[in-house]
Amino acid sequence: MARVPAMTGRGPEGWDVVVGAASEEVAGIARRAREVVRGVMPDAVEEVDEGARLLGFTFAPGTYKGLVVGLVLHARHVNLMFAEGAALDGGGLLEGTGKKARHIKLRAAEDAADPRIAALLAEAAARVRDRLAAG
């Protein structure tokens, strides 16, 4: 069985490093997006992969196996990356062509407040919980 790579830089100090390296605009977008994700998935564990500039929200800490979504900081925007986004009906919000992941580009903090994003987060979290429960 292939080993799933571990997340690195766990904890709030890793998040501070990632956000601290971003512009004020991107940091603001990331903070707002984090609030939205936490509001929908308060029981998810936050893990940081500093090298990937990723804050992941997972139900299986220590691996990417239980990853639901991640915030990936870029120079001018934040990607809200859905680990199993290809299985979701994003109503035109989701971008990408990967086999599994899809993302939403957040270009302003208020973009994260779109109620369709909260609905997608809830659906994605339920899918991952169900998959993990099934073994």
N, C-alpha and C. Protein backbone atom coordinates (compact mmCIF):
# COMPACT_ATOMS: atom_id res chain seq x y z
N MET A 1 0.85 -1.17 0.00
CA MET A 1 0.00 0.00 0.00
C MET A 1 0.90 1.24 0.00
N ALA A 2 0.57 2.19 -0.85
CA ALA A 2 1.35 3.43 -0.92
C ALA A 2 1.13 4.27 0.32
N ARG A 3 2.22 4.84 0.80
CA ARG A 3 2.13 5.70 1.97
C ARG A 3 1.65 7.08 1.53
N VAL A 4 0.67 7.63 2.27
CA VAL A 4 0.17 8.96 2.00
C VAL A 4 1.13 9.96 2.63
N PRO A 5 1.58 10.97 1.89
CA PRO A 5 2.54 11.91 2.47
C PRO A 5 1.95 12.68 3.64
N ALA A 6 2.80 12.97 4.60
CA ALA A 6 2.36 13.68 5.80
C ALA A 6 2.35 15.17 5.56
N MET A 7 1.48 15.85 6.28
CA MET A 7 1.48 17.30 6.29
C MET A 7 2.68 17.74 7.12
N THR A 8 3.17 18.93 6.90
CA THR A 8 4.31 19.44 7.64
C THR A 8 3.96 20.75 8.32
N GLY A 9 4.80 21.19 9.25
CA GLY A 9 4.61 22.50 9.87
C GLY A 9 3.29 22.64 10.59
N ARG A 10 2.87 21.61 11.30
CA ARG A 10 1.58 21.62 11.95
C ARG A 10 1.45 22.76 12.94
N GLY A 11 0.23 23.23 13.11
CA GLY A 11 -0.05 24.18 14.16
C GLY A 11 -0.14 25.62 13.69
N PRO A 12 -0.61 26.49 14.58
CA PRO A 12 -0.83 27.88 14.22
C PRO A 12 0.44 28.62 13.83
N GLU A 13 1.58 28.21 14.35
CA GLU A 13 2.81 28.90 13.98
C GLU A 13 3.11 28.72 12.49
N GLY A 14 2.78 27.58 11.93
CA GLY A 14 2.96 27.36 10.50
C GLY A 14 2.04 28.26 9.68
N TRP A 15 0.81 28.42 10.13
CA TRP A 15 -0.14 29.31 9.46
C TRP A 15 0.37 30.75 9.50
N ASP A 16 0.90 31.16 10.65
CA ASP A 16 1.44 32.51 10.78
C ASP A 16 2.59 32.75 9.80
N VAL A 17 3.42 31.73 9.60
CA VAL A 17 4.53 31.85 8.65
C VAL A 17 3.99 32.02 7.24
N VAL A 18 3.03 31.21 6.84
CA VAL A 18 2.48 31.26 5.49
C VAL A 18 1.78 32.60 5.24
N VAL A 19 0.92 33.02 6.17
CA VAL A 19 0.18 34.27 6.00
C VAL A 19 1.13 35.47 6.09
N GLY A 20 2.12 35.37 6.95
CA GLY A 20 3.07 36.46 7.12
C GLY A 20 3.89 36.73 5.88
N ALA A 21 4.05 35.74 5.03
CA ALA A 21 4.83 35.91 3.80
C ALA A 21 3.99 36.47 2.66
N ALA A 22 2.68 36.57 2.86
CA ALA A 22 1.77 37.03 1.81
C ALA A 22 1.58 38.54 1.89
N SER A 23 1.07 39.11 0.81
CA SER A 23 0.71 40.52 0.82
C SER A 23 -0.47 40.73 1.78
N GLU A 24 -0.69 41.95 2.18
CA GLU A 24 -1.83 42.24 3.08
C GLU A 24 -3.15 41.82 2.45
N GLU A 25 -3.28 42.08 1.15
CA GLU A 25 -4.52 41.73 0.45
C GLU A 25 -4.75 40.22 0.48
N VAL A 26 -3.74 39.45 0.11
CA VAL A 26 -3.88 37.99 0.09
C VAL A 26 -4.06 37.45 1.50
N ALA A 27 -3.35 38.01 2.47
CA ALA A 27 -3.51 37.58 3.86
C ALA A 27 -4.94 37.81 4.32
N GLY A 28 -5.54 38.93 3.95
CA GLY A 28 -6.93 39.22 4.31
C GLY A 28 -7.90 38.24 3.69
N ILE A 29 -7.67 37.90 2.44
CA ILE A 29 -8.52 36.90 1.76
C ILE A 29 -8.40 35.56 2.48
N ALA A 30 -7.17 35.17 2.80
CA ALA A 30 -6.94 33.88 3.48
C ALA A 30 -7.60 33.85 4.85
N ARG A 31 -7.49 34.94 5.60
CA ARG A 31 -8.12 34.98 6.93
C ARG A 31 -9.64 34.84 6.84
N ARG A 32 -10.24 35.55 5.89
CA ARG A 32 -11.70 35.47 5.72
C ARG A 32 -12.12 34.08 5.27
N ALA A 33 -11.38 33.50 4.36
CA ALA A 33 -11.71 32.15 3.89
C ALA A 33 -11.59 31.15 5.04
N ARG A 34 -10.58 31.32 5.87
CA ARG A 34 -10.40 30.43 7.02
C ARG A 34 -11.60 30.52 7.95
N GLU A 35 -12.10 31.72 8.19
CA GLU A 35 -13.28 31.91 9.04
C GLU A 35 -14.49 31.16 8.47
N VAL A 36 -14.67 31.25 7.16
CA VAL A 36 -15.80 30.58 6.52
C VAL A 36 -15.68 29.07 6.67
N VAL A 37 -14.49 28.54 6.38
CA VAL A 37 -14.29 27.09 6.50
C VAL A 37 -14.50 26.65 7.94
N ARG A 38 -13.95 27.36 8.90
CA ARG A 38 -14.12 27.00 10.32
C ARG A 38 -15.59 27.04 10.71
N GLY A 39 -16.34 27.99 10.16
CA GLY A 39 -17.76 28.07 10.46
C GLY A 39 -18.55 26.86 9.99
N VAL A 40 -18.15 26.30 8.86
CA VAL A 40 -18.84 25.13 8.31
C VAL A 40 -18.30 23.84 8.92
N MET A 41 -17.00 23.78 9.20
CA MET A 41 -16.35 22.56 9.69
C MET A 41 -15.58 22.85 10.99
N PRO A 42 -16.28 23.19 12.06
CA PRO A 42 -15.57 23.54 13.30
C PRO A 42 -14.78 22.39 13.91
N ASP A 43 -15.12 21.15 13.55
CA ASP A 43 -14.45 19.98 14.11
C ASP A 43 -13.27 19.50 13.26
N ALA A 44 -13.03 20.14 12.14
CA ALA A 44 -11.89 19.75 11.30
C ALA A 44 -10.59 20.20 11.96
N VAL A 45 -9.55 19.43 11.75
CA VAL A 45 -8.23 19.75 12.28
C VAL A 45 -7.50 20.57 11.21
N GLU A 46 -6.88 21.65 11.64
CA GLU A 46 -6.09 22.47 10.73
C GLU A 46 -4.65 21.98 10.74
N GLU A 47 -4.09 21.82 9.54
CA GLU A 47 -2.68 21.47 9.40
C GLU A 47 -2.09 22.32 8.30
N VAL A 48 -0.83 22.65 8.48
CA VAL A 48 -0.15 23.53 7.53
C VAL A 48 0.97 22.79 6.83
N ASP A 49 1.03 22.97 5.52
CA ASP A 49 2.17 22.53 4.74
C ASP A 49 2.83 23.81 4.25
N GLU A 50 3.87 24.25 4.98
CA GLU A 50 4.50 25.53 4.68
C GLU A 50 5.07 25.56 3.27
N GLY A 51 5.68 24.47 2.83
CA GLY A 51 6.29 24.43 1.51
C GLY A 51 5.27 24.63 0.40
N ALA A 52 4.08 24.12 0.58
CA ALA A 52 3.02 24.25 -0.42
C ALA A 52 2.18 25.51 -0.18
N ARG A 53 2.47 26.25 0.89
CA ARG A 53 1.69 27.43 1.29
C ARG A 53 0.22 27.06 1.42
N LEU A 54 -0.02 25.94 2.12
CA LEU A 54 -1.34 25.34 2.22
C LEU A 54 -1.76 25.23 3.68
N LEU A 55 -2.97 25.68 3.97
CA LEU A 55 -3.62 25.40 5.24
C LEU A 55 -4.70 24.39 4.94
N GLY A 56 -4.54 23.17 5.43
CA GLY A 56 -5.49 22.11 5.16
C GLY A 56 -6.45 21.90 6.31
N PHE A 57 -7.66 21.49 5.97
CA PHE A 57 -8.69 21.15 6.95
C PHE A 57 -9.01 19.67 6.74
N THR A 58 -8.73 18.87 7.76
CA THR A 58 -8.76 17.42 7.60
C THR A 58 -9.51 16.74 8.74
N PHE A 59 -9.97 15.54 8.46
CA PHE A 59 -10.56 14.68 9.48
C PHE A 59 -9.66 13.48 9.76
N ALA A 60 -8.46 13.45 9.17
CA ALA A 60 -7.47 12.40 9.42
C ALA A 60 -6.12 13.09 9.56
N PRO A 61 -5.87 13.68 10.73
CA PRO A 61 -4.63 14.45 10.92
C PRO A 61 -3.37 13.63 10.60
N GLY A 62 -2.41 14.35 10.02
CA GLY A 62 -1.11 13.73 9.74
C GLY A 62 -0.96 13.20 8.33
N THR A 63 -2.06 13.16 7.56
CA THR A 63 -1.98 12.69 6.18
C THR A 63 -2.89 13.55 5.30
N TYR A 64 -2.75 13.38 4.02
CA TYR A 64 -3.66 14.03 3.09
C TYR A 64 -4.93 13.20 2.89
N LYS A 65 -4.98 12.01 3.46
CA LYS A 65 -6.10 11.08 3.27
C LYS A 65 -7.46 11.67 3.67
N GLY A 66 -7.49 12.42 4.74
CA GLY A 66 -8.76 12.98 5.22
C GLY A 66 -8.94 14.44 4.89
N LEU A 67 -8.11 14.95 3.98
CA LEU A 67 -8.17 16.35 3.61
C LEU A 67 -9.50 16.66 2.92
N VAL A 68 -10.17 17.68 3.40
CA VAL A 68 -11.42 18.13 2.78
C VAL A 68 -11.12 19.30 1.85
N VAL A 69 -10.55 20.35 2.41
CA VAL A 69 -10.21 21.53 1.63
C VAL A 69 -8.89 22.10 2.12
N GLY A 70 -8.31 22.90 1.27
CA GLY A 70 -7.10 23.60 1.63
C GLY A 70 -7.15 25.02 1.10
N LEU A 71 -6.53 25.91 1.82
CA LEU A 71 -6.34 27.28 1.35
C LEU A 71 -4.91 27.36 0.85
N VAL A 72 -4.75 27.70 -0.42
CA VAL A 72 -3.43 27.79 -1.02
C VAL A 72 -3.21 29.25 -1.42
N LEU A 73 -2.20 29.86 -0.81
CA LEU A 73 -1.94 31.27 -1.05
C LEU A 73 -1.06 31.46 -2.28
N HIS A 74 -1.48 32.35 -3.15
CA HIS A 74 -0.73 32.73 -4.35
C HIS A 74 -0.40 34.22 -4.26
N ALA A 75 0.27 34.75 -5.24
CA ALA A 75 0.71 36.15 -5.19
C ALA A 75 -0.47 37.13 -5.16
N ARG A 76 -1.56 36.83 -5.89
CA ARG A 76 -2.66 37.78 -5.99
C ARG A 76 -4.02 37.22 -5.60
N HIS A 77 -4.07 35.97 -5.22
CA HIS A 77 -5.35 35.36 -4.85
C HIS A 77 -5.10 34.17 -3.92
N VAL A 78 -6.20 33.60 -3.44
CA VAL A 78 -6.15 32.39 -2.63
C VAL A 78 -7.02 31.35 -3.32
N ASN A 79 -6.49 30.16 -3.50
CA ASN A 79 -7.30 29.06 -4.02
C ASN A 79 -7.92 28.31 -2.85
N LEU A 80 -9.22 28.14 -2.91
CA LEU A 80 -9.92 27.26 -1.98
C LEU A 80 -10.00 25.93 -2.72
N MET A 81 -9.10 25.00 -2.34
CA MET A 81 -8.91 23.76 -3.06
C MET A 81 -9.72 22.63 -2.39
N PHE A 82 -10.60 22.04 -3.14
CA PHE A 82 -11.41 20.92 -2.67
C PHE A 82 -10.71 19.63 -3.09
N ALA A 83 -10.27 18.85 -2.12
CA ALA A 83 -9.47 17.66 -2.40
C ALA A 83 -10.23 16.66 -3.29
N GLU A 84 -11.54 16.57 -3.11
CA GLU A 84 -12.35 15.66 -3.92
C GLU A 84 -13.36 16.46 -4.75
N GLY A 85 -12.92 17.60 -5.23
CA GLY A 85 -13.80 18.52 -5.94
C GLY A 85 -14.37 18.00 -7.24
N ALA A 86 -13.69 17.06 -7.89
CA ALA A 86 -14.20 16.52 -9.15
C ALA A 86 -15.52 15.79 -8.95
N ALA A 87 -15.79 15.34 -7.73
CA ALA A 87 -17.03 14.62 -7.43
C ALA A 87 -18.17 15.56 -7.04
N LEU A 88 -17.89 16.86 -6.94
CA LEU A 88 -18.89 17.83 -6.51
C LEU A 88 -19.50 18.54 -7.71
N ASP A 89 -20.76 18.92 -7.56
CA ASP A 89 -21.40 19.78 -8.56
C ASP A 89 -21.23 21.21 -8.05
N GLY A 90 -20.26 21.88 -8.57
CA GLY A 90 -19.91 23.21 -8.07
C GLY A 90 -20.73 24.34 -8.64
N GLY A 91 -21.74 24.05 -9.44
CA GLY A 91 -22.57 25.10 -9.99
C GLY A 91 -21.78 26.16 -10.74
N GLY A 92 -20.70 25.76 -11.39
CA GLY A 92 -19.89 26.69 -12.15
C GLY A 92 -18.80 27.38 -11.35
N LEU A 93 -18.75 27.16 -10.05
CA LEU A 93 -17.73 27.80 -9.21
C LEU A 93 -16.38 27.13 -9.30
N LEU A 94 -16.38 25.81 -9.43
CA LEU A 94 -15.13 25.05 -9.36
C LEU A 94 -14.36 25.09 -10.68
N GLU A 95 -13.05 25.25 -10.55
CA GLU A 95 -12.15 25.26 -11.70
C GLU A 95 -11.17 24.11 -11.56
N GLY A 96 -10.54 23.76 -12.68
CA GLY A 96 -9.50 22.74 -12.67
C GLY A 96 -9.87 21.54 -13.50
N THR A 97 -8.84 20.77 -13.83
CA THR A 97 -9.04 19.61 -14.68
C THR A 97 -8.41 18.35 -14.11
N GLY A 98 -7.98 18.39 -12.86
CA GLY A 98 -7.34 17.24 -12.25
C GLY A 98 -8.31 16.08 -12.06
N LYS A 99 -7.77 14.91 -11.79
CA LYS A 99 -8.61 13.72 -11.59
C LYS A 99 -9.47 13.83 -10.34
N LYS A 100 -8.99 14.55 -9.31
CA LYS A 100 -9.72 14.63 -8.05
C LYS A 100 -10.00 16.06 -7.61
N ALA A 101 -8.99 16.88 -7.54
CA ALA A 101 -9.12 18.20 -6.93
C ALA A 101 -9.71 19.23 -7.89
N ARG A 102 -10.40 20.19 -7.30
CA ARG A 102 -10.90 21.37 -8.00
C ARG A 102 -10.71 22.55 -7.04
N HIS A 103 -10.76 23.75 -7.56
CA HIS A 103 -10.55 24.91 -6.70
C HIS A 103 -11.46 26.07 -7.11
N ILE A 104 -11.57 27.01 -6.18
CA ILE A 104 -12.25 28.28 -6.43
C ILE A 104 -11.22 29.36 -6.17
N LYS A 105 -11.03 30.26 -7.12
CA LYS A 105 -10.10 31.38 -6.92
C LYS A 105 -10.83 32.48 -6.15
N LEU A 106 -10.28 32.84 -5.01
CA LEU A 106 -10.80 33.93 -4.21
C LEU A 106 -9.89 35.13 -4.45
N ARG A 107 -10.43 36.16 -5.08
CA ARG A 107 -9.64 37.34 -5.42
C ARG A 107 -9.88 38.51 -4.48
N ALA A 108 -10.89 38.38 -3.63
CA ALA A 108 -11.20 39.41 -2.63
C ALA A 108 -11.80 38.70 -1.42
N ALA A 109 -11.65 39.28 -0.25
CA ALA A 109 -12.13 38.65 0.99
C ALA A 109 -13.63 38.36 0.92
N GLU A 110 -14.40 39.25 0.31
CA GLU A 110 -15.85 39.05 0.26
C GLU A 110 -16.24 37.88 -0.64
N ASP A 111 -15.36 37.44 -1.54
CA ASP A 111 -15.65 36.27 -2.38
C ASP A 111 -15.94 35.04 -1.53
N ALA A 112 -15.28 34.93 -0.40
CA ALA A 112 -15.44 33.76 0.47
C ALA A 112 -16.83 33.69 1.10
N ALA A 113 -17.55 34.81 1.12
CA ALA A 113 -18.87 34.86 1.77
C ALA A 113 -19.99 34.35 0.88
N ASP A 114 -19.69 33.96 -0.34
CA ASP A 114 -20.71 33.44 -1.25
C ASP A 114 -21.35 32.20 -0.60
N PRO A 115 -22.67 32.21 -0.38
CA PRO A 115 -23.32 31.08 0.29
C PRO A 115 -23.16 29.75 -0.44
N ARG A 116 -22.90 29.80 -1.74
CA ARG A 116 -22.67 28.55 -2.49
C ARG A 116 -21.38 27.88 -2.04
N ILE A 117 -20.43 28.67 -1.56
CA ILE A 117 -19.17 28.10 -1.07
C ILE A 117 -19.42 27.34 0.22
N ALA A 118 -20.21 27.90 1.13
CA ALA A 118 -20.54 27.19 2.37
C ALA A 118 -21.25 25.87 2.07
N ALA A 119 -22.14 25.88 1.10
CA ALA A 119 -22.85 24.64 0.73
C ALA A 119 -21.88 23.60 0.17
N LEU A 120 -20.93 24.03 -0.67
CA LEU A 120 -19.93 23.11 -1.20
C LEU A 120 -19.04 22.56 -0.09
N LEU A 121 -18.67 23.42 0.85
CA LEU A 121 -17.85 22.97 1.99
C LEU A 121 -18.57 21.89 2.79
N ALA A 122 -19.85 22.12 3.04
CA ALA A 122 -20.64 21.14 3.81
C ALA A 122 -20.73 19.81 3.06
N GLU A 123 -20.96 19.87 1.76
CA GLU A 123 -21.05 18.65 0.96
C GLU A 123 -19.71 17.91 0.93
N ALA A 124 -18.63 18.66 0.74
CA ALA A 124 -17.29 18.05 0.70
C ALA A 124 -16.95 17.40 2.04
N ALA A 125 -17.27 18.07 3.14
CA ALA A 125 -16.99 17.51 4.46
C ALA A 125 -17.77 16.23 4.68
N ALA A 126 -19.04 16.21 4.29
CA ALA A 126 -19.87 15.01 4.46
C ALA A 126 -19.31 13.85 3.65
N ARG A 127 -18.85 14.11 2.43
CA ARG A 127 -18.28 13.06 1.59
C ARG A 127 -17.04 12.44 2.23
N VAL A 128 -16.17 13.28 2.74
CA VAL A 128 -14.93 12.77 3.36
C VAL A 128 -15.26 12.01 4.64
N ARG A 129 -16.15 12.55 5.46
CA ARG A 129 -16.54 11.83 6.69
C ARG A 129 -17.10 10.44 6.33
N ASP A 130 -17.98 10.39 5.34
CA ASP A 130 -18.59 9.11 4.94
C ASP A 130 -17.53 8.13 4.44
N ARG A 131 -16.60 8.64 3.63
CA ARG A 131 -15.53 7.76 3.10
C ARG A 131 -14.66 7.22 4.21
N LEU A 132 -14.31 8.07 5.16
CA LEU A 132 -13.47 7.63 6.27
C LEU A 132 -14.21 6.64 7.18
N ALA A 133 -15.49 6.86 7.38
CA ALA A 133 -16.29 5.95 8.22
C ALA A 133 -16.43 4.57 7.58
N ALA A 134 -16.49 4.57 6.23
CA ALA A 134 -16.65 3.29 5.52
C ALA A 134 -15.35 2.49 5.52
N GLY A 135 -14.25 3.15 5.86
CA GLY A 135 -12.97 2.44 5.96
C GLY A 135 -12.18 2.57 4.75
